[in-house]
Amino acid sequence: MKSFNYTLAASISGWLLTIMVLISELYEPFKTLLANTFTHHWVGKIIITLAVYIIIGMFTKKDYAHAYRDNITSMSIILLFYVIHYFV
C-alpha cells in the first residue's frame, strides 16, 4: 500500500483554495453556486479542498519537496489580494 503523500496533497489543495478564493471574490456567480450548494461559500471551499487533499494524497506516490514554499506562496497571494481589495 502506498503511503499518504502529505506534501503534494497540501501543495495542490493550497493552490486550489487560492484559486477558488480569487474566483469567488471576482466572479459572484461562483460564490453563489458554492453558497447554494454547501450552505456557505467557505464551507464549499473547505469541502472541495479537503476532498482534493485526500484524493491527491492517497493516489500519488512520489513526495514533493517544494510543498512548503508553494503553500507560503499561495497564502501570500490570498493575503495580498485582500490587502489590495481593502484599499481599492
N, C-alpha and C. Protein backbone atom coordinates (compact mmCIF):
# COMPACT_ATOMS: atom_id res chain seq x y z
N MET A 1 0.84 -1.18 0.00
CA MET A 1 0.00 0.00 0.00
C MET A 1 0.88 1.24 0.00
N LYS A 2 0.51 2.21 -0.80
CA LYS A 2 1.27 3.45 -0.87
C LYS A 2 1.07 4.25 0.41
N SER A 3 2.09 5.02 0.76
CA SER A 3 1.92 5.91 1.90
C SER A 3 1.24 7.20 1.43
N PHE A 4 0.62 7.88 2.35
CA PHE A 4 -0.11 9.11 2.02
C PHE A 4 0.89 10.21 1.70
N ASN A 5 0.71 10.88 0.58
CA ASN A 5 1.61 11.93 0.13
C ASN A 5 1.12 13.28 0.66
N TYR A 6 1.53 13.61 1.89
CA TYR A 6 1.06 14.83 2.55
C TYR A 6 1.52 16.10 1.83
N THR A 7 2.76 16.13 1.40
CA THR A 7 3.31 17.37 0.86
C THR A 7 2.69 17.76 -0.47
N LEU A 8 2.57 16.83 -1.39
CA LEU A 8 1.96 17.15 -2.67
C LEU A 8 0.47 17.47 -2.49
N ALA A 9 -0.20 16.74 -1.63
CA ALA A 9 -1.61 16.99 -1.37
C ALA A 9 -1.81 18.38 -0.79
N ALA A 10 -0.94 18.79 0.13
CA ALA A 10 -1.04 20.12 0.73
C ALA A 10 -0.77 21.20 -0.31
N SER A 11 0.20 20.97 -1.16
CA SER A 11 0.54 21.96 -2.18
C SER A 11 -0.60 22.16 -3.17
N ILE A 12 -1.12 21.08 -3.71
CA ILE A 12 -2.18 21.20 -4.71
C ILE A 12 -3.47 21.74 -4.09
N SER A 13 -3.83 21.27 -2.91
CA SER A 13 -5.05 21.77 -2.29
C SER A 13 -4.90 23.24 -1.87
N GLY A 14 -3.70 23.64 -1.50
CA GLY A 14 -3.46 25.05 -1.17
C GLY A 14 -3.63 25.95 -2.38
N TRP A 15 -3.10 25.51 -3.51
CA TRP A 15 -3.27 26.29 -4.74
C TRP A 15 -4.72 26.29 -5.20
N LEU A 16 -5.41 25.17 -5.03
CA LEU A 16 -6.82 25.12 -5.39
C LEU A 16 -7.63 26.10 -4.54
N LEU A 17 -7.35 26.14 -3.25
CA LEU A 17 -8.05 27.07 -2.37
C LEU A 17 -7.76 28.51 -2.77
N THR A 18 -6.53 28.81 -3.12
CA THR A 18 -6.17 30.15 -3.57
C THR A 18 -6.97 30.54 -4.81
N ILE A 19 -7.05 29.64 -5.76
CA ILE A 19 -7.79 29.91 -6.99
C ILE A 19 -9.27 30.10 -6.70
N MET A 20 -9.83 29.25 -5.84
CA MET A 20 -11.26 29.38 -5.51
C MET A 20 -11.55 30.68 -4.78
N VAL A 21 -10.65 31.12 -3.89
CA VAL A 21 -10.85 32.39 -3.18
C VAL A 21 -10.87 33.54 -4.17
N LEU A 22 -9.89 33.57 -5.07
CA LEU A 22 -9.82 34.65 -6.03
C LEU A 22 -11.02 34.65 -6.97
N ILE A 23 -11.39 33.49 -7.47
CA ILE A 23 -12.55 33.42 -8.38
C ILE A 23 -13.83 33.83 -7.66
N SER A 24 -14.02 33.35 -6.43
CA SER A 24 -15.27 33.67 -5.74
C SER A 24 -15.38 35.15 -5.39
N GLU A 25 -14.25 35.82 -5.20
CA GLU A 25 -14.30 37.25 -4.92
C GLU A 25 -14.46 38.09 -6.17
N LEU A 26 -14.02 37.58 -7.30
CA LEU A 26 -14.09 38.34 -8.54
C LEU A 26 -15.28 37.97 -9.42
N TYR A 27 -15.87 36.81 -9.18
CA TYR A 27 -16.97 36.31 -10.01
C TYR A 27 -18.10 35.84 -9.09
N GLU A 28 -19.04 36.70 -8.87
CA GLU A 28 -20.11 36.47 -7.90
C GLU A 28 -20.93 35.19 -8.15
N PRO A 29 -21.21 34.80 -9.40
CA PRO A 29 -21.97 33.55 -9.59
C PRO A 29 -21.27 32.31 -9.02
N PHE A 30 -19.94 32.29 -9.03
CA PHE A 30 -19.23 31.15 -8.44
C PHE A 30 -19.42 31.12 -6.93
N LYS A 31 -19.35 32.27 -6.31
CA LYS A 31 -19.57 32.37 -4.86
C LYS A 31 -21.00 31.95 -4.51
N THR A 32 -21.94 32.37 -5.32
CA THR A 32 -23.34 32.00 -5.11
C THR A 32 -23.55 30.50 -5.30
N LEU A 33 -22.91 29.93 -6.31
CA LEU A 33 -23.00 28.48 -6.53
C LEU A 33 -22.48 27.71 -5.31
N LEU A 34 -21.34 28.12 -4.79
CA LEU A 34 -20.80 27.46 -3.59
C LEU A 34 -21.75 27.61 -2.41
N ALA A 35 -22.28 28.82 -2.23
CA ALA A 35 -23.20 29.06 -1.11
C ALA A 35 -24.48 28.25 -1.23
N ASN A 36 -25.02 28.18 -2.43
CA ASN A 36 -26.26 27.41 -2.63
C ASN A 36 -26.03 25.91 -2.49
N THR A 37 -24.87 25.44 -2.88
CA THR A 37 -24.59 24.01 -2.83
C THR A 37 -24.20 23.54 -1.44
N PHE A 38 -23.42 24.35 -0.72
CA PHE A 38 -22.84 23.91 0.56
C PHE A 38 -23.28 24.75 1.75
N THR A 39 -24.32 25.52 1.64
CA THR A 39 -24.89 26.41 2.67
C THR A 39 -24.08 27.67 2.92
N HIS A 40 -22.80 27.68 2.63
CA HIS A 40 -21.97 28.88 2.73
C HIS A 40 -20.78 28.70 1.81
N HIS A 41 -20.31 29.78 1.20
CA HIS A 41 -19.23 29.65 0.22
C HIS A 41 -17.95 29.13 0.84
N TRP A 42 -17.66 29.48 2.10
CA TRP A 42 -16.43 28.96 2.73
C TRP A 42 -16.56 27.47 3.06
N VAL A 43 -17.74 27.03 3.42
CA VAL A 43 -17.95 25.60 3.66
C VAL A 43 -17.69 24.82 2.37
N GLY A 44 -18.17 25.35 1.25
CA GLY A 44 -17.93 24.71 -0.04
C GLY A 44 -16.45 24.64 -0.38
N LYS A 45 -15.74 25.74 -0.15
CA LYS A 45 -14.30 25.76 -0.44
C LYS A 45 -13.56 24.74 0.41
N ILE A 46 -13.92 24.64 1.67
CA ILE A 46 -13.26 23.70 2.58
C ILE A 46 -13.55 22.25 2.17
N ILE A 47 -14.79 21.95 1.84
CA ILE A 47 -15.14 20.57 1.44
C ILE A 47 -14.41 20.18 0.16
N ILE A 48 -14.40 21.07 -0.82
CA ILE A 48 -13.70 20.78 -2.08
C ILE A 48 -12.20 20.63 -1.84
N THR A 49 -11.62 21.53 -1.05
CA THR A 49 -10.19 21.47 -0.76
C THR A 49 -9.84 20.19 -0.01
N LEU A 50 -10.64 19.81 0.96
CA LEU A 50 -10.39 18.59 1.72
C LEU A 50 -10.50 17.35 0.84
N ALA A 51 -11.49 17.33 -0.04
CA ALA A 51 -11.64 16.19 -0.96
C ALA A 51 -10.44 16.06 -1.88
N VAL A 52 -9.96 17.17 -2.42
CA VAL A 52 -8.78 17.14 -3.29
C VAL A 52 -7.55 16.71 -2.51
N TYR A 53 -7.42 17.20 -1.28
CA TYR A 53 -6.29 16.83 -0.42
C TYR A 53 -6.24 15.31 -0.21
N ILE A 54 -7.38 14.74 0.11
CA ILE A 54 -7.44 13.29 0.37
C ILE A 54 -7.18 12.50 -0.91
N ILE A 55 -7.79 12.90 -2.01
CA ILE A 55 -7.61 12.17 -3.27
C ILE A 55 -6.16 12.23 -3.73
N ILE A 56 -5.58 13.42 -3.75
CA ILE A 56 -4.18 13.57 -4.20
C ILE A 56 -3.25 12.81 -3.26
N GLY A 57 -3.48 12.93 -1.97
CA GLY A 57 -2.61 12.26 -1.01
C GLY A 57 -2.65 10.75 -1.12
N MET A 58 -3.81 10.21 -1.40
CA MET A 58 -3.95 8.76 -1.47
C MET A 58 -3.42 8.17 -2.78
N PHE A 59 -3.54 8.91 -3.87
CA PHE A 59 -3.26 8.32 -5.17
C PHE A 59 -1.96 8.80 -5.82
N THR A 60 -1.15 9.54 -5.11
CA THR A 60 0.15 9.91 -5.65
C THR A 60 1.23 9.25 -4.81
N LYS A 61 2.32 8.92 -5.45
CA LYS A 61 3.35 8.14 -4.78
C LYS A 61 4.57 8.98 -4.42
N LYS A 62 5.06 9.76 -5.37
CA LYS A 62 6.30 10.48 -5.16
C LYS A 62 6.09 11.68 -4.25
N ASP A 63 7.03 11.90 -3.36
CA ASP A 63 6.97 13.03 -2.45
C ASP A 63 7.34 14.31 -3.20
N TYR A 64 6.79 15.42 -2.79
CA TYR A 64 7.00 16.70 -3.45
C TYR A 64 7.74 17.62 -2.50
N ALA A 65 8.94 18.01 -2.84
CA ALA A 65 9.83 18.73 -1.93
C ALA A 65 9.49 20.21 -1.79
N HIS A 66 8.78 20.79 -2.74
CA HIS A 66 8.54 22.23 -2.72
C HIS A 66 7.19 22.61 -2.13
N ALA A 67 6.53 21.72 -1.46
CA ALA A 67 5.17 21.98 -0.99
C ALA A 67 5.12 23.11 0.03
N TYR A 68 6.07 23.18 0.93
CA TYR A 68 6.02 24.22 1.95
C TYR A 68 6.19 25.59 1.33
N ARG A 69 7.09 25.73 0.38
CA ARG A 69 7.27 27.00 -0.32
C ARG A 69 6.02 27.33 -1.11
N ASP A 70 5.40 26.35 -1.75
CA ASP A 70 4.17 26.58 -2.51
C ASP A 70 3.05 27.06 -1.61
N ASN A 71 2.92 26.48 -0.42
CA ASN A 71 1.85 26.88 0.49
C ASN A 71 2.06 28.29 1.00
N ILE A 72 3.28 28.66 1.27
CA ILE A 72 3.56 30.03 1.70
C ILE A 72 3.24 30.99 0.57
N THR A 73 3.58 30.64 -0.65
CA THR A 73 3.29 31.49 -1.80
C THR A 73 1.79 31.64 -2.00
N SER A 74 1.05 30.56 -1.93
CA SER A 74 -0.40 30.65 -2.14
C SER A 74 -1.08 31.44 -1.03
N MET A 75 -0.64 31.28 0.20
CA MET A 75 -1.20 32.08 1.30
C MET A 75 -0.86 33.56 1.14
N SER A 76 0.34 33.84 0.65
CA SER A 76 0.75 35.22 0.41
C SER A 76 -0.09 35.87 -0.67
N ILE A 77 -0.43 35.11 -1.70
CA ILE A 77 -1.28 35.64 -2.78
C ILE A 77 -2.66 35.99 -2.24
N ILE A 78 -3.23 35.13 -1.40
CA ILE A 78 -4.54 35.42 -0.81
C ILE A 78 -4.45 36.68 0.06
N LEU A 79 -3.44 36.78 0.89
CA LEU A 79 -3.26 37.95 1.75
C LEU A 79 -3.10 39.21 0.92
N LEU A 80 -2.26 39.16 -0.08
CA LEU A 80 -2.04 40.32 -0.95
C LEU A 80 -3.32 40.72 -1.66
N PHE A 81 -4.09 39.74 -2.12
CA PHE A 81 -5.36 40.04 -2.78
C PHE A 81 -6.29 40.82 -1.85
N TYR A 82 -6.43 40.36 -0.60
CA TYR A 82 -7.34 41.03 0.32
C TYR A 82 -6.82 42.39 0.75
N VAL A 83 -5.52 42.56 0.86
CA VAL A 83 -4.96 43.87 1.18
C VAL A 83 -5.25 44.86 0.05
N ILE A 84 -5.02 44.44 -1.19
CA ILE A 84 -5.32 45.29 -2.33
C ILE A 84 -6.81 45.55 -2.42
N HIS A 85 -7.61 44.52 -2.20
CA HIS A 85 -9.07 44.65 -2.25
C HIS A 85 -9.57 45.65 -1.18
N TYR A 86 -8.93 45.67 -0.04
CA TYR A 86 -9.32 46.58 1.03
C TYR A 86 -9.05 48.04 0.65
N PHE A 87 -7.92 48.29 0.03
CA PHE A 87 -7.55 49.67 -0.27
C PHE A 87 -8.09 50.19 -1.59
N VAL A 88 -8.60 49.33 -2.43
CA VAL A 88 -9.11 49.81 -3.74
C VAL A 88 -10.60 49.88 -3.73
